All heavy atoms as atom14 arrays in JSON, in Angstrom:
{
  "sequence": "YLAEVLDEVKEQKLDKYEQELGYELVWEDLKKAYEINMELGQKYE",
  "atom14_mask": [
    [1, 1, 1, 1, 1, 1, 1, 1, 1, 1, 1, 1, 0, 0],
    [1, 1, 1, 1, 1, 1, 1, 1, 0, 0, 0, 0, 0, 0],
    [1, 1, 1, 1, 1, 0, 0, 0, 0, 0, 0, 0, 0, 0],
    [1, 1, 1, 1, 1, 1, 1, 1, 1, 0, 0, 0, 0, 0],
    [1, 1, 1, 1, 1, 1, 1, 0, 0, 0, 0, 0, 0, 0],
    [1, 1, 1, 1, 1, 1, 1, 1, 0, 0, 0, 0, 0, 0],
    [1, 1, 1, 1, 1, 1, 1, 1, 0, 0, 0, 0, 0, 0],
    [1, 1, 1, 1, 1, 1, 1, 1, 1, 0, 0, 0, 0, 0],
    [1, 1, 1, 1, 1, 1, 1, 0, 0, 0, 0, 0, 0, 0],
    [1, 1, 1, 1, 1, 1, 1, 1, 1, 0, 0, 0, 0, 0],
    [1, 1, 1, 1, 1, 1, 1, 1, 1, 0, 0, 0, 0, 0],
    [1, 1, 1, 1, 1, 1, 1, 1, 1, 0, 0, 0, 0, 0],
    [1, 1, 1, 1, 1, 1, 1, 1, 1, 0, 0, 0, 0, 0],
    [1, 1, 1, 1, 1, 1, 1, 1, 0, 0, 0, 0, 0, 0],
    [1, 1, 1, 1, 1, 1, 1, 1, 0, 0, 0, 0, 0, 0],
    [1, 1, 1, 1, 1, 1, 1, 1, 1, 0, 0, 0, 0, 0],
    [1, 1, 1, 1, 1, 1, 1, 1, 1, 1, 1, 1, 0, 0],
    [1, 1, 1, 1, 1, 1, 1, 1, 1, 0, 0, 0, 0, 0],
    [1, 1, 1, 1, 1, 1, 1, 1, 1, 0, 0, 0, 0, 0],
    [1, 1, 1, 1, 1, 1, 1, 1, 1, 0, 0, 0, 0, 0],
    [1, 1, 1, 1, 1, 1, 1, 1, 0, 0, 0, 0, 0, 0],
    [1, 1, 1, 1, 0, 0, 0, 0, 0, 0, 0, 0, 0, 0],
    [1, 1, 1, 1, 1, 1, 1, 1, 1, 1, 1, 1, 0, 0],
    [1, 1, 1, 1, 1, 1, 1, 1, 1, 0, 0, 0, 0, 0],
    [1, 1, 1, 1, 1, 1, 1, 1, 0, 0, 0, 0, 0, 0],
    [1, 1, 1, 1, 1, 1, 1, 0, 0, 0, 0, 0, 0, 0],
    [1, 1, 1, 1, 1, 1, 1, 1, 1, 1, 1, 1, 1, 1],
    [1, 1, 1, 1, 1, 1, 1, 1, 1, 0, 0, 0, 0, 0],
    [1, 1, 1, 1, 1, 1, 1, 1, 0, 0, 0, 0, 0, 0],
    [1, 1, 1, 1, 1, 1, 1, 1, 0, 0, 0, 0, 0, 0],
    [1, 1, 1, 1, 1, 1, 1, 1, 1, 0, 0, 0, 0, 0],
    [1, 1, 1, 1, 1, 1, 1, 1, 1, 0, 0, 0, 0, 0],
    [1, 1, 1, 1, 1, 0, 0, 0, 0, 0, 0, 0, 0, 0],
    [1, 1, 1, 1, 1, 1, 1, 1, 1, 1, 1, 1, 0, 0],
    [1, 1, 1, 1, 1, 1, 1, 1, 1, 0, 0, 0, 0, 0],
    [1, 1, 1, 1, 1, 1, 1, 1, 0, 0, 0, 0, 0, 0],
    [1, 1, 1, 1, 1, 1, 1, 1, 0, 0, 0, 0, 0, 0],
    [1, 1, 1, 1, 1, 1, 1, 1, 0, 0, 0, 0, 0, 0],
    [1, 1, 1, 1, 1, 1, 1, 1, 1, 0, 0, 0, 0, 0],
    [1, 1, 1, 1, 1, 1, 1, 1, 0, 0, 0, 0, 0, 0],
    [1, 1, 1, 1, 0, 0, 0, 0, 0, 0, 0, 0, 0, 0],
    [1, 1, 1, 1, 1, 1, 1, 1, 1, 0, 0, 0, 0, 0],
    [1, 1, 1, 1, 1, 1, 1, 1, 1, 0, 0, 0, 0, 0],
    [1, 1, 1, 1, 1, 1, 1, 1, 1, 1, 1, 1, 0, 0],
    [1, 1, 1, 1, 1, 1, 1, 1, 1, 0, 0, 0, 0, 0]
  ],
  "atom14_positions": [
    [[8.14, -17.8, 45.55], [6.8, -18.38, 45.68], [5.83, -17.53, 44.97], [5.8, -16.43, 45.21], [6.42, -18.57, 47.15], [7.21, -19.68, 47.88], [8.29, -19.18, 48.58], [6.72, -21.01, 48.01], [9.03, -20.18, 49.27], [7.56, -21.8, 48.72], [8.58, -21.52, 49.25], [9.31, -22.47, 49.99], [0.0, 0.0, 0.0], [0.0, 0.0, 0.0]],
    [[4.97, -18.17, 44.2], [3.77, -17.48, 43.6], [2.81, -17.21, 44.71], [2.58, -18.19, 45.55], [3.13, -18.23, 42.47], [3.93, -18.45, 41.22], [3.36, -19.56, 40.34], [4.02, -17.13, 40.44], [0.0, 0.0, 0.0], [0.0, 0.0, 0.0], [0.0, 0.0, 0.0], [0.0, 0.0, 0.0], [0.0, 0.0, 0.0], [0.0, 0.0, 0.0]],
    [[2.12, -16.15, 44.83], [1.02, -15.95, 45.94], [0.13, -14.93, 45.33], [0.41, -14.09, 44.53], [1.96, -15.26, 47.16], [0.0, 0.0, 0.0], [0.0, 0.0, 0.0], [0.0, 0.0, 0.0], [0.0, 0.0, 0.0], [0.0, 0.0, 0.0], [0.0, 0.0, 0.0], [0.0, 0.0, 0.0], [0.0, 0.0, 0.0], [0.0, 0.0, 0.0]],
    [[-1.06, -15.07, 45.91], [-2.14, -14.1, 45.86], [-2.31, -13.31, 47.18], [-1.93, -13.74, 48.24], [-3.49, -14.82, 45.52], [-3.32, -15.54, 44.13], [-4.62, -16.25, 43.81], [-5.68, -16.11, 44.51], [-4.47, -17.26, 42.94], [0.0, 0.0, 0.0], [0.0, 0.0, 0.0], [0.0, 0.0, 0.0], [0.0, 0.0, 0.0], [0.0, 0.0, 0.0]],
    [[-2.82, -12.11, 46.99], [-3.03, -11.19, 48.16], [-4.49, -10.68, 48.18], [-5.11, -10.6, 47.35], [-2.06, -9.96, 48.14], [-0.48, -10.53, 48.27], [-2.17, -9.15, 46.89], [0.0, 0.0, 0.0], [0.0, 0.0, 0.0], [0.0, 0.0, 0.0], [0.0, 0.0, 0.0], [0.0, 0.0, 0.0], [0.0, 0.0, 0.0], [0.0, 0.0, 0.0]],
    [[-4.66, -10.2, 49.46], [-6.1, -9.45, 49.66], [-5.98, -8.07, 49.07], [-4.86, -7.56, 48.81], [-6.33, -9.38, 51.05], [-6.48, -10.66, 51.85], [-6.69, -10.44, 53.45], [-7.68, -11.48, 51.48], [0.0, 0.0, 0.0], [0.0, 0.0, 0.0], [0.0, 0.0, 0.0], [0.0, 0.0, 0.0], [0.0, 0.0, 0.0], [0.0, 0.0, 0.0]],
    [[-7.15, -7.54, 48.84], [-7.1, -6.17, 48.12], [-6.67, -5.09, 49.08], [-6.1, -4.14, 48.69], [-8.49, -5.79, 47.66], [-8.92, -6.63, 46.42], [-8.01, -7.1, 45.7], [-10.12, -6.81, 46.31], [0.0, 0.0, 0.0], [0.0, 0.0, 0.0], [0.0, 0.0, 0.0], [0.0, 0.0, 0.0], [0.0, 0.0, 0.0], [0.0, 0.0, 0.0]],
    [[-7.0, -5.29, 50.41], [-6.53, -4.11, 51.46], [-5.0, -4.11, 51.53], [-4.39, -5.16, 51.64], [-7.19, -4.62, 52.77], [-6.86, -3.63, 53.88], [-7.21, -4.11, 55.34], [-7.92, -5.16, 55.38], [-6.8, -3.42, 56.34], [0.0, 0.0, 0.0], [0.0, 0.0, 0.0], [0.0, 0.0, 0.0], [0.0, 0.0, 0.0], [0.0, 0.0, 0.0]],
    [[-4.53, -2.89, 51.64], [-3.1, -2.79, 51.79], [-2.88, -1.97, 53.18], [-3.48, -1.1, 53.5], [-2.49, -1.82, 50.78], [-1.03, -1.56, 50.95], [-2.77, -2.37, 49.36], [0.0, 0.0, 0.0], [0.0, 0.0, 0.0], [0.0, 0.0, 0.0], [0.0, 0.0, 0.0], [0.0, 0.0, 0.0], [0.0, 0.0, 0.0], [0.0, 0.0, 0.0]],
    [[-2.1, -2.63, 54.03], [-1.8, -2.19, 55.35], [-0.62, -1.3, 55.26], [0.11, -1.08, 54.14], [-1.55, -3.27, 56.32], [-2.76, -4.24, 56.68], [-2.32, -5.23, 57.71], [-3.6, -5.92, 58.34], [-3.28, -6.82, 59.22], [0.0, 0.0, 0.0], [0.0, 0.0, 0.0], [0.0, 0.0, 0.0], [0.0, 0.0, 0.0], [0.0, 0.0, 0.0]],
    [[-0.18, -0.63, 56.33], [1.03, 0.2, 56.5], [2.27, -0.71, 56.43], [2.33, -1.69, 57.03], [1.03, 1.0, 57.8], [2.05, 2.02, 57.86], [1.97, 2.82, 59.12], [0.84, 3.05, 59.65], [2.99, 3.31, 59.61], [0.0, 0.0, 0.0], [0.0, 0.0, 0.0], [0.0, 0.0, 0.0], [0.0, 0.0, 0.0], [0.0, 0.0, 0.0]],
    [[3.29, -0.2, 55.72], [4.57, -0.96, 55.72], [5.34, -0.96, 57.08], [5.0, 0.09, 57.7], [5.44, -0.28, 54.77], [5.13, -0.32, 53.3], [5.83, 0.53, 52.33], [5.92, 1.73, 52.53], [6.83, -0.06, 51.48], [0.0, 0.0, 0.0], [0.0, 0.0, 0.0], [0.0, 0.0, 0.0], [0.0, 0.0, 0.0], [0.0, 0.0, 0.0]],
    [[6.06, -1.91, 57.27], [6.96, -1.89, 58.54], [8.36, -2.14, 58.11], [8.91, -3.18, 58.1], [6.51, -3.06, 59.41], [5.04, -2.84, 59.97], [4.73, -4.08, 60.76], [3.11, -4.06, 61.03], [2.53, -5.26, 61.12], [0.0, 0.0, 0.0], [0.0, 0.0, 0.0], [0.0, 0.0, 0.0], [0.0, 0.0, 0.0], [0.0, 0.0, 0.0]],
    [[8.96, -1.03, 57.55], [10.3, -1.05, 57.09], [11.51, -0.93, 57.89], [11.24, -0.11, 59.01], [10.45, 0.03, 55.9], [9.46, 0.01, 54.72], [9.61, 1.28, 53.92], [9.53, -1.15, 53.98], [0.0, 0.0, 0.0], [0.0, 0.0, 0.0], [0.0, 0.0, 0.0], [0.0, 0.0, 0.0], [0.0, 0.0, 0.0], [0.0, 0.0, 0.0]],
    [[12.49, -1.59, 57.67], [13.76, -1.38, 58.46], [14.4, -0.03, 58.05], [13.9, 0.57, 57.07], [14.8, -2.56, 58.13], [14.32, -3.98, 58.54], [13.63, -3.91, 59.57], [14.77, -4.85, 57.97], [0.0, 0.0, 0.0], [0.0, 0.0, 0.0], [0.0, 0.0, 0.0], [0.0, 0.0, 0.0], [0.0, 0.0, 0.0], [0.0, 0.0, 0.0]],
    [[15.26, 0.28, 58.87], [15.86, 1.75, 58.64], [16.54, 1.84, 57.25], [16.17, 2.82, 56.56], [17.06, 2.02, 59.65], [17.52, 3.42, 59.48], [18.34, 3.82, 60.51], [18.78, 5.26, 60.45], [19.89, 5.7, 61.16], [0.0, 0.0, 0.0], [0.0, 0.0, 0.0], [0.0, 0.0, 0.0], [0.0, 0.0, 0.0], [0.0, 0.0, 0.0]],
    [[17.17, 0.89, 56.85], [17.92, 0.99, 55.4], [16.83, 0.89, 54.39], [16.97, 1.54, 53.34], [18.93, -0.16, 55.26], [18.34, -1.46, 54.77], [18.31, -1.87, 53.54], [17.97, -2.33, 55.75], [17.68, -3.19, 53.06], [17.51, -3.65, 55.46], [17.22, -3.98, 54.09], [16.8, -5.37, 53.76], [0.0, 0.0, 0.0], [0.0, 0.0, 0.0]],
    [[15.79, 0.25, 54.58], [14.66, 0.15, 53.6], [13.9, 1.52, 53.53], [13.56, 1.89, 52.47], [13.71, -0.83, 53.99], [14.15, -2.34, 53.88], [13.29, -3.42, 54.48], [12.53, -3.05, 55.49], [13.33, -4.52, 54.03], [0.0, 0.0, 0.0], [0.0, 0.0, 0.0], [0.0, 0.0, 0.0], [0.0, 0.0, 0.0], [0.0, 0.0, 0.0]],
    [[13.76, 2.25, 54.58], [13.15, 3.47, 54.69], [14.14, 4.49, 54.05], [13.67, 5.39, 53.08], [13.03, 4.05, 56.22], [11.94, 3.3, 56.87], [11.88, 3.67, 58.39], [12.63, 4.63, 58.84], [11.24, 2.94, 59.16], [0.0, 0.0, 0.0], [0.0, 0.0, 0.0], [0.0, 0.0, 0.0], [0.0, 0.0, 0.0], [0.0, 0.0, 0.0]],
    [[15.37, 4.43, 54.19], [16.38, 5.31, 53.5], [16.4, 5.04, 51.96], [16.56, 6.08, 51.24], [17.88, 5.04, 54.1], [17.88, 5.53, 55.51], [19.29, 5.03, 56.11], [20.0, 4.3, 55.45], [19.41, 5.43, 57.4], [0.0, 0.0, 0.0], [0.0, 0.0, 0.0], [0.0, 0.0, 0.0], [0.0, 0.0, 0.0], [0.0, 0.0, 0.0]],
    [[16.09, 3.86, 51.61], [16.1, 3.6, 50.07], [14.65, 3.86, 49.56], [14.5, 3.85, 48.25], [16.27, 2.06, 49.76], [17.85, 1.63, 49.86], [18.07, 0.19, 49.91], [18.7, 2.41, 48.76], [0.0, 0.0, 0.0], [0.0, 0.0, 0.0], [0.0, 0.0, 0.0], [0.0, 0.0, 0.0], [0.0, 0.0, 0.0], [0.0, 0.0, 0.0]],
    [[13.77, 4.35, 50.45], [12.41, 4.68, 49.89], [11.61, 3.64, 49.29], [10.89, 3.78, 48.31], [0.0, 0.0, 0.0], [0.0, 0.0, 0.0], [0.0, 0.0, 0.0], [0.0, 0.0, 0.0], [0.0, 0.0, 0.0], [0.0, 0.0, 0.0], [0.0, 0.0, 0.0], [0.0, 0.0, 0.0], [0.0, 0.0, 0.0], [0.0, 0.0, 0.0]],
    [[11.64, 2.44, 50.1], [10.78, 1.22, 49.58], [9.32, 1.58, 49.42], [8.7, 2.09, 50.45], [11.01, 0.16, 50.45], [12.28, -0.7, 50.14], [13.32, -0.16, 49.33], [12.42, -1.97, 50.7], [14.36, -1.0, 49.14], [13.68, -2.81, 50.49], [14.6, -2.2, 49.73], [15.68, -2.97, 49.34], [0.0, 0.0, 0.0], [0.0, 0.0, 0.0]],
    [[8.76, 1.29, 48.27], [7.35, 1.66, 48.08], [6.72, 0.4, 47.34], [7.52, -0.09, 46.41], [7.02, 2.81, 47.41], [7.61, 2.9, 46.11], [7.18, 4.24, 45.39], [6.46, 5.08, 45.87], [7.89, 4.62, 44.3], [0.0, 0.0, 0.0], [0.0, 0.0, 0.0], [0.0, 0.0, 0.0], [0.0, 0.0, 0.0], [0.0, 0.0, 0.0]],
    [[5.5, 0.02, 47.51], [4.87, -0.97, 46.62], [4.43, -0.29, 45.32], [3.8, 0.84, 45.49], [3.61, -1.57, 47.51], [2.47, -2.2, 46.71], [3.11, -3.63, 46.15], [1.28, -2.44, 47.52], [0.0, 0.0, 0.0], [0.0, 0.0, 0.0], [0.0, 0.0, 0.0], [0.0, 0.0, 0.0], [0.0, 0.0, 0.0], [0.0, 0.0, 0.0]],
    [[4.67, -0.97, 44.33], [4.11, -0.58, 43.0], [3.65, -1.84, 42.39], [4.2, -2.86, 42.47], [5.23, 0.16, 42.16], [5.7, 1.48, 42.83], [6.47, -0.77, 41.96], [0.0, 0.0, 0.0], [0.0, 0.0, 0.0], [0.0, 0.0, 0.0], [0.0, 0.0, 0.0], [0.0, 0.0, 0.0], [0.0, 0.0, 0.0], [0.0, 0.0, 0.0]],
    [[2.57, -1.56, 41.57], [2.04, -2.62, 40.54], [2.59, -2.24, 39.24], [2.23, -1.24, 38.68], [0.53, -2.64, 40.58], [0.09, -3.27, 41.9], [-0.31, -2.63, 42.94], [-0.13, -4.73, 42.03], [-0.81, -3.45, 43.93], [-0.71, -4.82, 43.37], [0.02, -5.74, 41.39], [-0.95, -5.94, 43.99], [-0.22, -7.09, 41.92], [-0.73, -7.28, 43.3]],
    [[3.77, -3.01, 38.93], [4.52, -2.49, 37.56], [4.13, -3.59, 36.44], [4.01, -4.71, 36.71], [5.91, -2.46, 37.97], [6.66, -1.82, 36.87], [6.33, -0.37, 36.47], [6.55, 0.5, 37.15], [5.41, -0.29, 35.42], [0.0, 0.0, 0.0], [0.0, 0.0, 0.0], [0.0, 0.0, 0.0], [0.0, 0.0, 0.0], [0.0, 0.0, 0.0]],
    [[4.41, -3.11, 35.24], [4.46, -3.82, 34.08], [5.76, -4.74, 34.26], [6.81, -4.17, 34.49], [4.47, -3.04, 32.86], [4.63, -3.86, 31.57], [3.61, -4.45, 31.1], [5.75, -3.9, 31.0], [0.0, 0.0, 0.0], [0.0, 0.0, 0.0], [0.0, 0.0, 0.0], [0.0, 0.0, 0.0], [0.0, 0.0, 0.0], [0.0, 0.0, 0.0]],
    [[5.74, -6.15, 33.91], [6.75, -6.98, 34.05], [7.9, -6.62, 33.32], [9.07, -6.52, 33.74], [6.39, -8.45, 33.65], [6.59, -9.4, 34.71], [5.35, -9.68, 35.63], [6.81, -10.75, 34.01], [0.0, 0.0, 0.0], [0.0, 0.0, 0.0], [0.0, 0.0, 0.0], [0.0, 0.0, 0.0], [0.0, 0.0, 0.0], [0.0, 0.0, 0.0]],
    [[7.73, -6.19, 32.0], [8.71, -6.01, 31.06], [9.3, -4.68, 31.42], [10.58, -4.64, 31.35], [8.2, -5.8, 29.64], [9.29, -5.65, 28.51], [8.59, -5.76, 27.18], [9.82, -5.79, 26.2], [9.52, -5.5, 24.86], [0.0, 0.0, 0.0], [0.0, 0.0, 0.0], [0.0, 0.0, 0.0], [0.0, 0.0, 0.0], [0.0, 0.0, 0.0]],
    [[8.67, -3.6, 31.89], [9.32, -2.36, 32.34], [10.12, -2.61, 33.52], [11.31, -2.13, 33.51], [8.13, -1.25, 32.68], [8.73, 0.01, 33.13], [7.61, 1.03, 33.46], [8.3, 2.27, 33.97], [7.2, 3.22, 34.37], [0.0, 0.0, 0.0], [0.0, 0.0, 0.0], [0.0, 0.0, 0.0], [0.0, 0.0, 0.0], [0.0, 0.0, 0.0]],
    [[9.75, -3.34, 34.55], [10.55, -3.69, 35.7], [11.83, -4.31, 35.3], [12.97, -3.95, 35.76], [9.79, -4.54, 36.67], [0.0, 0.0, 0.0], [0.0, 0.0, 0.0], [0.0, 0.0, 0.0], [0.0, 0.0, 0.0], [0.0, 0.0, 0.0], [0.0, 0.0, 0.0], [0.0, 0.0, 0.0], [0.0, 0.0, 0.0], [0.0, 0.0, 0.0]],
    [[11.71, -5.24, 34.32], [12.85, -6.01, 33.89], [13.82, -5.18, 33.12], [14.94, -5.05, 33.46], [12.35, -7.3, 32.95], [13.47, -7.82, 32.13], [14.46, -8.62, 32.78], [13.72, -7.53, 30.75], [15.51, -9.21, 31.91], [14.8, -8.06, 30.12], [15.65, -8.89, 30.63], [16.7, -9.43, 29.85], [0.0, 0.0, 0.0], [0.0, 0.0, 0.0]],
    [[13.35, -4.27, 32.19], [14.22, -3.41, 31.46], [14.88, -2.41, 32.41], [16.2, -2.07, 32.2], [13.44, -2.59, 30.34], [13.07, -3.56, 29.28], [12.03, -2.91, 28.37], [11.47, -1.77, 28.67], [11.75, -3.56, 27.32], [0.0, 0.0, 0.0], [0.0, 0.0, 0.0], [0.0, 0.0, 0.0], [0.0, 0.0, 0.0], [0.0, 0.0, 0.0]],
    [[14.29, -1.92, 33.37], [14.78, -0.81, 34.32], [15.93, -1.55, 35.19], [16.97, -0.93, 35.32], [13.92, -0.21, 35.15], [12.94, 0.87, 34.3], [14.49, 0.56, 36.36], [11.76, 1.44, 35.01], [0.0, 0.0, 0.0], [0.0, 0.0, 0.0], [0.0, 0.0, 0.0], [0.0, 0.0, 0.0], [0.0, 0.0, 0.0], [0.0, 0.0, 0.0]],
    [[15.73, -2.69, 35.7], [16.61, -3.45, 36.47], [17.87, -3.96, 35.58], [19.0, -3.92, 36.1], [16.07, -4.75, 37.12], [15.49, -4.4, 38.55], [15.21, -3.23, 38.9], [15.19, -5.45, 39.22], [0.0, 0.0, 0.0], [0.0, 0.0, 0.0], [0.0, 0.0, 0.0], [0.0, 0.0, 0.0], [0.0, 0.0, 0.0], [0.0, 0.0, 0.0]],
    [[17.61, -4.27, 34.46], [18.79, -4.63, 33.64], [19.75, -3.42, 33.33], [20.92, -3.64, 33.41], [18.28, -5.13, 32.13], [17.8, -6.56, 32.25], [18.92, -7.88, 32.96], [20.09, -7.84, 31.54], [0.0, 0.0, 0.0], [0.0, 0.0, 0.0], [0.0, 0.0, 0.0], [0.0, 0.0, 0.0], [0.0, 0.0, 0.0], [0.0, 0.0, 0.0]],
    [[19.08, -2.36, 33.01], [19.94, -1.03, 33.03], [20.66, -0.72, 34.18], [21.83, -0.48, 34.17], [18.97, 0.07, 32.61], [19.75, 1.34, 32.24], [18.75, 2.48, 31.94], [17.73, 2.29, 30.98], [19.0, 3.57, 32.32], [0.0, 0.0, 0.0], [0.0, 0.0, 0.0], [0.0, 0.0, 0.0], [0.0, 0.0, 0.0], [0.0, 0.0, 0.0]],
    [[19.95, -0.71, 35.32], [20.61, -0.47, 36.74], [21.65, -1.61, 37.05], [22.71, -1.2, 37.67], [19.51, -0.3, 37.73], [18.7, 0.88, 37.56], [17.49, 0.84, 38.62], [19.46, 2.17, 37.73], [0.0, 0.0, 0.0], [0.0, 0.0, 0.0], [0.0, 0.0, 0.0], [0.0, 0.0, 0.0], [0.0, 0.0, 0.0], [0.0, 0.0, 0.0]],
    [[21.26, -2.79, 36.8], [22.32, -3.87, 37.08], [23.59, -3.64, 36.47], [24.56, -3.93, 37.05], [0.0, 0.0, 0.0], [0.0, 0.0, 0.0], [0.0, 0.0, 0.0], [0.0, 0.0, 0.0], [0.0, 0.0, 0.0], [0.0, 0.0, 0.0], [0.0, 0.0, 0.0], [0.0, 0.0, 0.0], [0.0, 0.0, 0.0], [0.0, 0.0, 0.0]],
    [[23.54, -3.21, 35.18], [24.79, -2.95, 34.48], [25.62, -1.84, 34.96], [26.78, -1.72, 35.17], [24.55, -2.76, 33.0], [24.06, -4.09, 32.33], [23.66, -3.91, 30.91], [23.61, -2.81, 30.5], [23.18, -4.92, 30.32], [0.0, 0.0, 0.0], [0.0, 0.0, 0.0], [0.0, 0.0, 0.0], [0.0, 0.0, 0.0], [0.0, 0.0, 0.0]],
    [[24.75, -0.76, 35.46], [25.4, 0.38, 35.97], [26.01, 0.23, 37.32], [27.13, 0.57, 37.5], [24.34, 1.5, 36.1], [24.77, 2.85, 36.68], [23.52, 3.74, 36.63], [23.93, 5.04, 37.46], [22.75, 5.94, 37.58], [0.0, 0.0, 0.0], [0.0, 0.0, 0.0], [0.0, 0.0, 0.0], [0.0, 0.0, 0.0], [0.0, 0.0, 0.0]],
    [[25.31, -0.41, 38.14], [25.65, -0.64, 39.56], [26.49, -1.96, 39.85], [27.19, -2.15, 40.89], [24.65, -0.64, 40.57], [23.88, 0.81, 40.66], [22.5, 0.98, 40.42], [24.66, 1.86, 41.02], [21.96, 2.21, 40.42], [24.06, 3.15, 41.17], [22.7, 3.24, 40.89], [22.29, 4.47, 40.9], [0.0, 0.0, 0.0], [0.0, 0.0, 0.0]],
    [[26.31, -3.07, 38.8], [26.91, -4.28, 39.03], [26.48, -4.92, 40.38], [27.31, -5.49, 41.02], [28.45, -4.26, 38.93], [28.76, -3.89, 37.48], [30.3, -3.88, 37.29], [31.15, -4.4, 38.16], [30.75, -3.4, 36.25], [0.0, 0.0, 0.0], [0.0, 0.0, 0.0], [0.0, 0.0, 0.0], [0.0, 0.0, 0.0], [0.0, 0.0, 0.0]]
  ]
}
């Protein structure tokens, strides 16, 4: 779903595995996120 959000950012409520993976919010360039995931997708399958 496409969505818009408010400017205020609240505290995350992460599950244990999400905490262990170090989940964080980032505002990323679309192309950069795509390229990094493509590289990791081939590495980890």
